């Protein structure tokens, strides 16, 4: 998929259809995936300011397996979302989620500025979350982003929330000028978004991982040229363990 699909070119709003046919067996890093052929994503107010955080409004989601049709909105993560987000991650990913190698790059850090999002249902509850983190590719190497965790409320089926969160996060990362995104996940799932292991052969995670699952997407052509070495945390450190941003 061309990254141009994610970028807002001087427009106040745009519509993106969530990906279809997501397969639960291919969920990376505890992702609970959803799809909806009828759902659409509207990005509003995507201006030039780095601090701007567009909201994303969704129409009704087609019911599946007897579920009630619902709507959701994607907004920037805010103060007060920490407890709901952590509880959602526990439900979606289980207690072993904090032992992943990617957690070593997130622990004690804040997400990349403007790149932490939650999906809310009509009652305001958090039903999805995604964050991107600043990393450095090797000693003195280029800056990049690390995606994760991505999770959606396990009780919601076929809603398109996971795909919508991904697309919105990529669009914002590109708008803010970032060059590439890395993650640890299944290529069959993330390949739909343009990720592959083609540019990660000379890179390594700081802990146990499966090499073929280290994937990357270039937001700018050539952003990963010559990238090598161990991926290192480069994000803003949490001071005093601020309660609104639990790493």
C-alpha atoms as a PDB file:
ATOM      1  CA  UNK A   1       0.000   0.000   0.000  1.00  0.00           C
ATOM      2  CA  UNK A   2       1.366   3.391  -0.982  1.00  0.00           C
ATOM      3  CA  UNK A   3       1.952   5.775   1.906  1.00  0.00           C
ATOM      4  CA  UNK A   4       0.161   8.451  -0.106  1.00  0.00           C
ATOM      5  CA  UNK A   5      -3.041   6.699   0.981  1.00  0.00           C
ATOM      6  CA  UNK A   6      -2.349   7.891   4.525  1.00  0.00           C
ATOM      7  CA  UNK A   7      -1.308  11.522   3.934  1.00  0.00           C
ATOM      8  CA  UNK A   8      -3.632  14.519   4.074  1.00  0.00           C
ATOM      9  CA  UNK A   9      -2.559  16.965   1.372  1.00  0.00           C
ATOM     10  CA  UNK A  10      -3.845  20.359   2.475  1.00  0.00           C
ATOM     11  CA  UNK A  11      -7.366  19.124   3.084  1.00  0.00           C
ATOM     12  CA  UNK A  12      -9.534  19.629   6.144  1.00  0.00           C
ATOM     13  CA  UNK A  13     -11.083  16.177   5.960  1.00  0.00           C
ATOM     14  CA  UNK A  14     -10.853  12.908   4.085  1.00  0.00           C
ATOM     15  CA  UNK A  15     -12.543   9.523   4.053  1.00  0.00           C
ATOM     16  CA  UNK A  16     -10.768   6.177   4.326  1.00  0.00           C
ATOM     17  CA  UNK A  17     -12.411   2.764   4.230  1.00  0.00           C
ATOM     18  CA  UNK A  18     -11.098   0.356   6.892  1.00  0.00           C
ATOM     19  CA  UNK A  19      -9.338  -2.757   5.611  1.00  0.00           C
ATOM     20  CA  UNK A  20     -11.493  -5.817   5.095  1.00  0.00           C
ATOM     21  CA  UNK A  21     -10.904  -9.465   5.836  1.00  0.00           C
ATOM     22  CA  UNK A  22      -8.625  -9.199   8.866  1.00  0.00           C
ATOM     23  CA  UNK A  23      -7.804 -12.644  10.225  1.00  0.00           C
ATOM     24  CA  UNK A  24      -7.779 -13.195  13.988  1.00  0.00           C
ATOM     25  CA  UNK A  25      -5.065 -15.835  13.717  1.00  0.00           C
ATOM     26  CA  UNK A  26      -2.689 -13.254  12.284  1.00  0.00           C
ATOM     27  CA  UNK A  27      -3.003 -10.745  15.104  1.00  0.00           C
ATOM     28  CA  UNK A  28       0.433  -9.374  16.031  1.00  0.00           C
ATOM     29  CA  UNK A  29       1.463  -8.584  19.597  1.00  0.00           C
ATOM     30  CA  UNK A  30      -2.016  -9.285  20.992  1.00  0.00           C
ATOM     31  CA  UNK A  31      -3.910  -7.240  18.421  1.00  0.00           C
ATOM     32  CA  UNK A  32      -7.644  -7.821  18.506  1.00  0.00           C
ATOM     33  CA  UNK A  33      -8.644  -7.052  14.937  1.00  0.00           C
ATOM     34  CA  UNK A  34     -11.964  -6.014  13.457  1.00  0.00           C
ATOM     35  CA  UNK A  35     -13.372  -5.188  10.058  1.00  0.00           C
ATOM     36  CA  UNK A  36     -16.446  -3.539   8.611  1.00  0.00           C
ATOM     37  CA  UNK A  37     -17.035  -3.135   4.847  1.00  0.00           C
ATOM     38  CA  UNK A  38     -19.594  -0.427   5.532  1.00  0.00           C
ATOM     39  CA  UNK A  39     -17.615   1.670   7.985  1.00  0.00           C
ATOM     40  CA  UNK A  40     -15.745   4.782   6.922  1.00  0.00           C
ATOM     41  CA  UNK A  41     -13.226   7.033   8.606  1.00  0.00           C
ATOM     42  CA  UNK A  42     -13.413  10.818   8.549  1.00  0.00           C
ATOM     43  CA  UNK A  43     -10.368  12.813   9.618  1.00  0.00           C
ATOM     44  CA  UNK A  44     -11.245  16.348  10.600  1.00  0.00           C
ATOM     45  CA  UNK A  45      -9.081  19.404  11.124  1.00  0.00           C
ATOM     46  CA  UNK A  46      -5.740  17.921   9.984  1.00  0.00           C
ATOM     47  CA  UNK A  47      -3.914  21.241   9.902  1.00  0.00           C
ATOM     48  CA  UNK A  48      -0.216  22.069   9.684  1.00  0.00           C
ATOM     49  CA  UNK A  49       0.451  22.478  13.395  1.00  0.00           C
ATOM     50  CA  UNK A  50       2.526  19.699  14.987  1.00  0.00           C
ATOM     51  CA  UNK A  51       0.478  19.981  18.154  1.00  0.00           C
ATOM     52  CA  UNK A  52      -2.835  19.510  16.348  1.00  0.00           C
ATOM     53  CA  UNK A  53      -4.543  16.164  16.992  1.00  0.00           C
ATOM     54  CA  UNK A  54      -7.365  15.490  14.529  1.00  0.00           C
ATOM     55  CA  UNK A  55     -10.362  13.531  15.749  1.00  0.00           C
ATOM     56  CA  UNK A  56     -11.780  10.694  13.716  1.00  0.00           C
ATOM     57  CA  UNK A  57     -15.531  10.118  13.658  1.00  0.00           C
ATOM     58  CA  UNK A  58     -17.146   6.857  12.562  1.00  0.00           C
ATOM     59  CA  UNK A  59     -20.642   5.998  11.478  1.00  0.00           C
ATOM     60  CA  UNK A  60     -22.589   2.966  12.620  1.00  0.00           C
ATOM     61  CA  UNK A  61     -20.780  -0.361  12.432  1.00  0.00           C
ATOM     62  CA  UNK A  62     -22.690  -3.284  10.917  1.00  0.00           C
ATOM     63  CA  UNK A  63     -23.754  -5.715  13.636  1.00  0.00           C
ATOM     64  CA  UNK A  64     -22.124  -9.160  13.706  1.00  0.00           C
ATOM     65  CA  UNK A  65     -23.161 -12.286  15.589  1.00  0.00           C
ATOM     66  CA  UNK A  66     -26.096 -10.532  17.193  1.00  0.00           C
ATOM     67  CA  UNK A  67     -24.142  -7.494  18.439  1.00  0.00           C
ATOM     68  CA  UNK A  68     -25.723  -4.064  18.554  1.00  0.00           C
ATOM     69  CA  UNK A  69     -24.571  -1.706  15.819  1.00  0.00           C
ATOM     70  CA  UNK A  70     -22.344   1.000  17.292  1.00  0.00           C
ATOM     71  CA  UNK A  71     -20.303   4.049  16.442  1.00  0.00           C
ATOM     72  CA  UNK A  72     -16.871   5.084  17.662  1.00  0.00           C
ATOM     73  CA  UNK A  73     -14.489   8.006  17.479  1.00  0.00           C
ATOM     74  CA  UNK A  74     -10.680   8.159  17.483  1.00  0.00           C
ATOM     75  CA  UNK A  75      -9.102  11.013  19.429  1.00  0.00           C
ATOM     76  CA  UNK A  76      -5.764  11.871  20.938  1.00  0.00           C
ATOM     77  CA  UNK A  77      -5.132  10.053  24.208  1.00  0.00           C
ATOM     78  CA  UNK A  78      -5.691  12.365  27.136  1.00  0.00           C
ATOM     79  CA  UNK A  79      -5.300  12.790  30.865  1.00  0.00           C
ATOM     80  CA  UNK A  80      -7.465  10.249  32.615  1.00  0.00           C
ATOM     81  CA  UNK A  81      -7.230   7.547  29.942  1.00  0.00           C
ATOM     82  CA  UNK A  82      -4.392   5.621  31.591  1.00  0.00           C
ATOM     83  CA  UNK A  83      -6.445   3.288  33.794  1.00  0.00           C
ATOM     84  CA  UNK A  84      -8.956   2.451  31.046  1.00  0.00           C
ATOM     85  CA  UNK A  85      -6.160   1.898  28.523  1.00  0.00           C
ATOM     86  CA  UNK A  86      -4.177  -0.395  30.817  1.00  0.00           C
ATOM     87  CA  UNK A  87      -7.298  -2.406  31.686  1.00  0.00           C
ATOM     88  CA  UNK A  88      -8.086  -2.783  27.985  1.00  0.00           C
ATOM     89  CA  UNK A  89      -4.533  -3.967  27.246  1.00  0.00           C
ATOM     90  CA  UNK A  90      -4.789  -6.525  30.050  1.00  0.00           C
ATOM     91  CA  UNK A  91      -8.053  -7.875  28.633  1.00  0.00           C
ATOM     92  CA  UNK A  92      -6.808  -7.955  25.043  1.00  0.00           C
ATOM     93  CA  UNK A  93      -3.212  -9.108  25.519  1.00  0.00           C
ATOM     94  CA  UNK A  94      -2.962 -10.810  28.890  1.00  0.00           C
ATOM     95  CA  UNK A  95      -0.452 -10.541  31.742  1.00  0.00           C
ATOM     96  CA  UNK A  96       2.590 -11.489  29.636  1.00  0.00           C
ATOM     97  CA  UNK A  97       2.360  -8.360  27.487  1.00  0.00           C
ATOM     98  CA  UNK A  98       4.901  -6.490  29.624  1.00  0.00           C
ATOM     99  CA  UNK A  99       7.572  -9.146  29.045  1.00  0.00           C
ATOM    100  CA  UNK A 100       7.874  -8.486  25.307  1.00  0.00           C
ATOM    101  CA  UNK A 101      11.146  -7.103  23.951  1.00  0.00           C
ATOM    102  CA  UNK A 102       9.318  -4.060  22.628  1.00  0.00           C
ATOM    103  CA  UNK A 103       8.416  -3.125  26.209  1.00  0.00           C
ATOM    104  CA  UNK A 104      12.096  -2.461  26.891  1.00  0.00           C
ATOM    105  CA  UNK A 105      11.895   0.386  24.378  1.00  0.00           C
ATOM    106  CA  UNK A 106       8.732   1.822  25.926  1.00  0.00           C
ATOM    107  CA  UNK A 107       9.338   1.419  29.649  1.00  0.00           C
ATOM    108  CA  UNK A 108       9.853   4.718  31.424  1.00  0.00           C
ATOM    109  CA  UNK A 109       9.186   6.716  28.245  1.00  0.00           C
ATOM    110  CA  UNK A 110       6.369   8.799  26.880  1.00  0.00           C
ATOM    111  CA  UNK A 111       4.838   8.083  23.463  1.00  0.00           C
ATOM    112  CA  UNK A 112       6.027  10.206  20.564  1.00  0.00           C
ATOM    113  CA  UNK A 113       4.446  13.647  20.767  1.00  0.00           C
ATOM    114  CA  UNK A 114       0.988  13.695  19.223  1.00  0.00           C
ATOM    115  CA  UNK A 115       1.017   9.966  18.415  1.00  0.00           C
ATOM    116  CA  UNK A 116      -1.031   8.275  21.143  1.00  0.00           C
ATOM    117  CA  UNK A 117      -4.687   7.604  20.278  1.00  0.00           C
ATOM    118  CA  UNK A 118      -7.742   5.955  21.745  1.00  0.00           C
ATOM    119  CA  UNK A 119     -11.018   4.853  20.189  1.00  0.00           C
ATOM    120  CA  UNK A 120     -14.134   5.696  22.195  1.00  0.00           C
ATOM    121  CA  UNK A 121     -17.624   4.311  21.877  1.00  0.00           C
ATOM    122  CA  UNK A 122     -20.755   6.427  22.069  1.00  0.00           C
ATOM    123  CA  UNK A 123     -20.678   6.347  25.872  1.00  0.00           C
ATOM    124  CA  UNK A 124     -17.096   7.671  25.919  1.00  0.00           C
ATOM    125  CA  UNK A 125     -15.540   4.377  26.980  1.00  0.00           C
ATOM    126  CA  UNK A 126     -12.104   3.406  25.650  1.00  0.00           C
ATOM    127  CA  UNK A 127     -12.539   0.527  23.183  1.00  0.00           C
ATOM    128  CA  UNK A 128      -9.215   0.765  21.339  1.00  0.00           C
ATOM    129  CA  UNK A 129      -5.690   2.081  21.755  1.00  0.00           C
ATOM    130  CA  UNK A 130      -2.542   2.577  19.710  1.00  0.00           C
ATOM    131  CA  UNK A 131       0.716   4.387  20.448  1.00  0.00           C
ATOM    132  CA  UNK A 132       3.891   5.195  18.539  1.00  0.00           C
ATOM    133  CA  UNK A 133       7.263   5.621  20.258  1.00  0.00           C
ATOM    134  CA  UNK A 134      10.491   7.413  19.356  1.00  0.00           C
ATOM    135  CA  UNK A 135      13.452   5.092  18.794  1.00  0.00           C
ATOM    136  CA  UNK A 136      16.970   5.324  17.335  1.00  0.00           C
ATOM    137  CA  UNK A 137      18.243   2.708  14.870  1.00  0.00           C
ATOM    138  CA  UNK A 138      21.677   1.753  16.175  1.00  0.00           C
ATOM    139  CA  UNK A 139      24.394   4.024  17.553  1.00  0.00           C
ATOM    140  CA  UNK A 140      24.027   7.402  15.862  1.00  0.00           C
ATOM    141  CA  UNK A 141      21.550   5.956  13.389  1.00  0.00           C
ATOM    142  CA  UNK A 142      18.368   7.540  12.025  1.00  0.00           C
ATOM    143  CA  UNK A 143      15.313   8.259  14.128  1.00  0.00           C
ATOM    144  CA  UNK A 144      12.242   6.088  13.669  1.00  0.00           C
ATOM    145  CA  UNK A 145       8.956   5.177  15.359  1.00  0.00           C
ATOM    146  CA  UNK A 146       7.997   1.920  17.068  1.00  0.00           C
ATOM    147  CA  UNK A 147       4.322   0.953  16.925  1.00  0.00           C
ATOM    148  CA  UNK A 148       2.516  -0.697  19.799  1.00  0.00           C
ATOM    149  CA  UNK A 149       0.687  -1.839  21.665  1.00  0.00           C
ATOM    150  CA  UNK A 150      -2.355  -1.891  19.410  1.00  0.00           C
ATOM    151  CA  UNK A 151      -5.475  -3.379  20.979  1.00  0.00           C
ATOM    152  CA  UNK A 152      -9.253  -3.337  20.653  1.00  0.00           C
ATOM    153  CA  UNK A 153     -11.896  -4.388  23.160  1.00  0.00           C
ATOM    154  CA  UNK A 154     -12.168  -8.205  22.801  1.00  0.00           C
ATOM    155  CA  UNK A 155     -15.955  -8.071  23.002  1.00  0.00           C
ATOM    156  CA  UNK A 156     -16.219  -6.072  19.777  1.00  0.00           C
ATOM    157  CA  UNK A 157     -16.192  -8.106  16.600  1.00  0.00           C
ATOM    158  CA  UNK A 158     -15.749  -6.987  12.993  1.00  0.00           C
ATOM    159  CA  UNK A 159     -15.883  -3.279  13.771  1.00  0.00           C
ATOM    160  CA  UNK A 160     -12.873  -1.963  11.825  1.00  0.00           C
ATOM    161  CA  UNK A 161     -11.467  -0.285  14.928  1.00  0.00           C
ATOM    162  CA  UNK A 162      -7.988  -1.824  14.701  1.00  0.00           C
ATOM    163  CA  UNK A 163      -7.523  -0.881  11.053  1.00  0.00           C
ATOM    164  CA  UNK A 164      -8.866   2.606  11.666  1.00  0.00           C
ATOM    165  CA  UNK A 165      -6.478   3.185  14.560  1.00  0.00           C
ATOM    166  CA  UNK A 166      -3.563   2.040  12.397  1.00  0.00           C
ATOM    167  CA  UNK A 167      -4.481   4.246   9.450  1.00  0.00           C
ATOM    168  CA  UNK A 168      -5.012   7.291  11.624  1.00  0.00           C
ATOM    169  CA  UNK A 169      -1.710   6.796  13.444  1.00  0.00           C
ATOM    170  CA  UNK A 170       0.187   6.403  10.145  1.00  0.00           C
ATOM    171  CA  UNK A 171      -1.432   9.481   8.666  1.00  0.00           C
ATOM    172  CA  UNK A 172      -0.476  11.561  11.684  1.00  0.00           C
ATOM    173  CA  UNK A 173       3.074  10.194  11.749  1.00  0.00           C
ATOM    174  CA  UNK A 174       3.521  11.128   8.102  1.00  0.00           C
ATOM    175  CA  UNK A 175       1.947  14.565   8.651  1.00  0.00           C
ATOM    176  CA  UNK A 176       4.338  15.221  11.523  1.00  0.00           C
ATOM    177  CA  UNK A 177       7.330  14.450   9.334  1.00  0.00           C
ATOM    178  CA  UNK A 178       8.461  11.053  10.629  1.00  0.00           C
ATOM    179  CA  UNK A 179      10.418   8.867   8.233  1.00  0.00           C
ATOM    180  CA  UNK A 180       9.629   5.269   9.177  1.00  0.00           C
ATOM    181  CA  UNK A 181       7.692   2.975  11.500  1.00  0.00           C
ATOM    182  CA  UNK A 182       8.859  -0.361  12.927  1.00  0.00           C
ATOM    183  CA  UNK A 183       6.976  -3.075  14.782  1.00  0.00           C
ATOM    184  CA  UNK A 184       7.155  -6.710  15.807  1.00  0.00           C
ATOM    185  CA  UNK A 185       4.249  -8.597  14.258  1.00  0.00           C
ATOM    186  CA  UNK A 186       2.997 -11.020  11.625  1.00  0.00           C
ATOM    187  CA  UNK A 187       3.849 -10.082   8.038  1.00  0.00           C
ATOM    188  CA  UNK A 188       0.591 -11.522   6.591  1.00  0.00           C
ATOM    189  CA  UNK A 189      -1.393  -9.070   8.744  1.00  0.00           C
ATOM    190  CA  UNK A 190       0.785  -5.982   8.572  1.00  0.00           C
ATOM    191  CA  UNK A 191       1.734  -6.468   4.926  1.00  0.00           C
ATOM    192  CA  UNK A 192      -1.660  -5.003   4.068  1.00  0.00           C
ATOM    193  CA  UNK A 193      -0.480  -1.722   5.512  1.00  0.00           C
ATOM    194  CA  UNK A 194       2.810  -1.785   3.579  1.00  0.00           C
ATOM    195  CA  UNK A 195       5.043  -3.369   6.250  1.00  0.00           C
ATOM    196  CA  UNK A 196       7.702  -5.951   5.411  1.00  0.00           C
ATOM    197  CA  UNK A 197      10.984  -7.375   6.694  1.00  0.00           C
ATOM    198  CA  UNK A 198      12.840  -6.238   3.556  1.00  0.00           C
ATOM    199  CA  UNK A 199      14.600  -3.335   5.315  1.00  0.00           C
ATOM    200  CA  UNK A 200      15.131  -4.780   8.797  1.00  0.00           C
ATOM    201  CA  UNK A 201      17.752  -7.485   8.188  1.00  0.00           C
ATOM    202  CA  UNK A 202      20.553  -5.394   9.711  1.00  0.00           C
ATOM    203  CA  UNK A 203      18.449  -4.284  12.713  1.00  0.00           C
ATOM    204  CA  UNK A 204      17.836  -6.035  16.019  1.00  0.00           C
ATOM    205  CA  UNK A 205      15.525  -5.693  19.011  1.00  0.00           C
ATOM    206  CA  UNK A 206      17.071  -5.350  22.520  1.00  0.00           C
ATOM    207  CA  UNK A 207      15.888  -8.769  23.683  1.00  0.00           C
ATOM    208  CA  UNK A 208      14.407 -12.067  22.465  1.00  0.00           C
ATOM    209  CA  UNK A 209      12.343 -11.790  19.283  1.00  0.00           C
ATOM    210  CA  UNK A 210      11.688 -13.590  16.020  1.00  0.00           C
ATOM    211  CA  UNK A 211      13.726 -11.889  13.311  1.00  0.00           C
ATOM    212  CA  UNK A 212      11.184 -12.463  10.551  1.00  0.00           C
ATOM    213  CA  UNK A 213       8.579 -10.583  12.619  1.00  0.00           C
ATOM    214  CA  UNK A 214      10.600  -7.349  12.798  1.00  0.00           C
ATOM    215  CA  UNK A 215       8.866  -5.280  10.123  1.00  0.00           C
ATOM    216  CA  UNK A 216       9.160  -1.739   8.826  1.00  0.00           C
ATOM    217  CA  UNK A 217       7.294   0.801   6.727  1.00  0.00           C
ATOM    218  CA  UNK A 218       9.021   3.798   5.162  1.00  0.00           C
ATOM    219  CA  UNK A 219       6.940   6.970   5.309  1.00  0.00           C
ATOM    220  CA  UNK A 220       9.714   8.716   3.372  1.00  0.00           C
ATOM    221  CA  UNK A 221      11.558   6.909   0.624  1.00  0.00           C
ATOM    222  CA  UNK A 222      15.070   5.957   1.711  1.00  0.00           C
ATOM    223  CA  UNK A 223      14.435   6.633   5.403  1.00  0.00           C
ATOM    224  CA  UNK A 224      15.915   3.235   6.309  1.00  0.00           C
ATOM    225  CA  UNK A 225      18.882   3.327   3.939  1.00  0.00           C
ATOM    226  CA  UNK A 226      21.930   2.055   5.820  1.00  0.00           C
ATOM    227  CA  UNK A 227      20.003   1.483   9.067  1.00  0.00           C
ATOM    228  CA  UNK A 228      21.746  -1.122  11.221  1.00  0.00           C
ATOM    229  CA  UNK A 229      22.370  -2.116  14.813  1.00  0.00           C
ATOM    230  CA  UNK A 230      20.208  -2.541  17.887  1.00  0.00           C
ATOM    231  CA  UNK A 231      17.071  -0.422  18.161  1.00  0.00           C
ATOM    232  CA  UNK A 232      17.330   1.963  21.121  1.00  0.00           C
ATOM    233  CA  UNK A 233      14.771   3.966  23.073  1.00  0.00           C
ATOM    234  CA  UNK A 234      14.862   7.668  22.263  1.00  0.00           C
ATOM    235  CA  UNK A 235      11.581   8.992  23.602  1.00  0.00           C
ATOM    236  CA  UNK A 236      10.890  11.545  26.297  1.00  0.00           C
ATOM    237  CA  UNK A 237      11.444  10.070  29.747  1.00  0.00           C
ATOM    238  CA  UNK A 238       8.619   9.994  32.253  1.00  0.00           C
ATOM    239  CA  UNK A 239       9.370  12.229  35.215  1.00  0.00           C
ATOM    240  CA  UNK A 240       7.855  11.065  38.463  1.00  0.00           C
ATOM    241  CA  UNK A 241       5.806   8.390  36.651  1.00  0.00           C
ATOM    242  CA  UNK A 242       3.069  10.739  35.493  1.00  0.00           C
ATOM    243  CA  UNK A 243      -0.256   8.873  35.917  1.00  0.00           C
ATOM    244  CA  UNK A 244      -1.688   9.978  32.558  1.00  0.00           C
ATOM    245  CA  UNK A 245       1.046   8.194  30.572  1.00  0.00           C
ATOM    246  CA  UNK A 246       1.852   4.717  31.855  1.00  0.00           C
ATOM    247  CA  UNK A 247       4.587   3.128  29.705  1.00  0.00           C
END
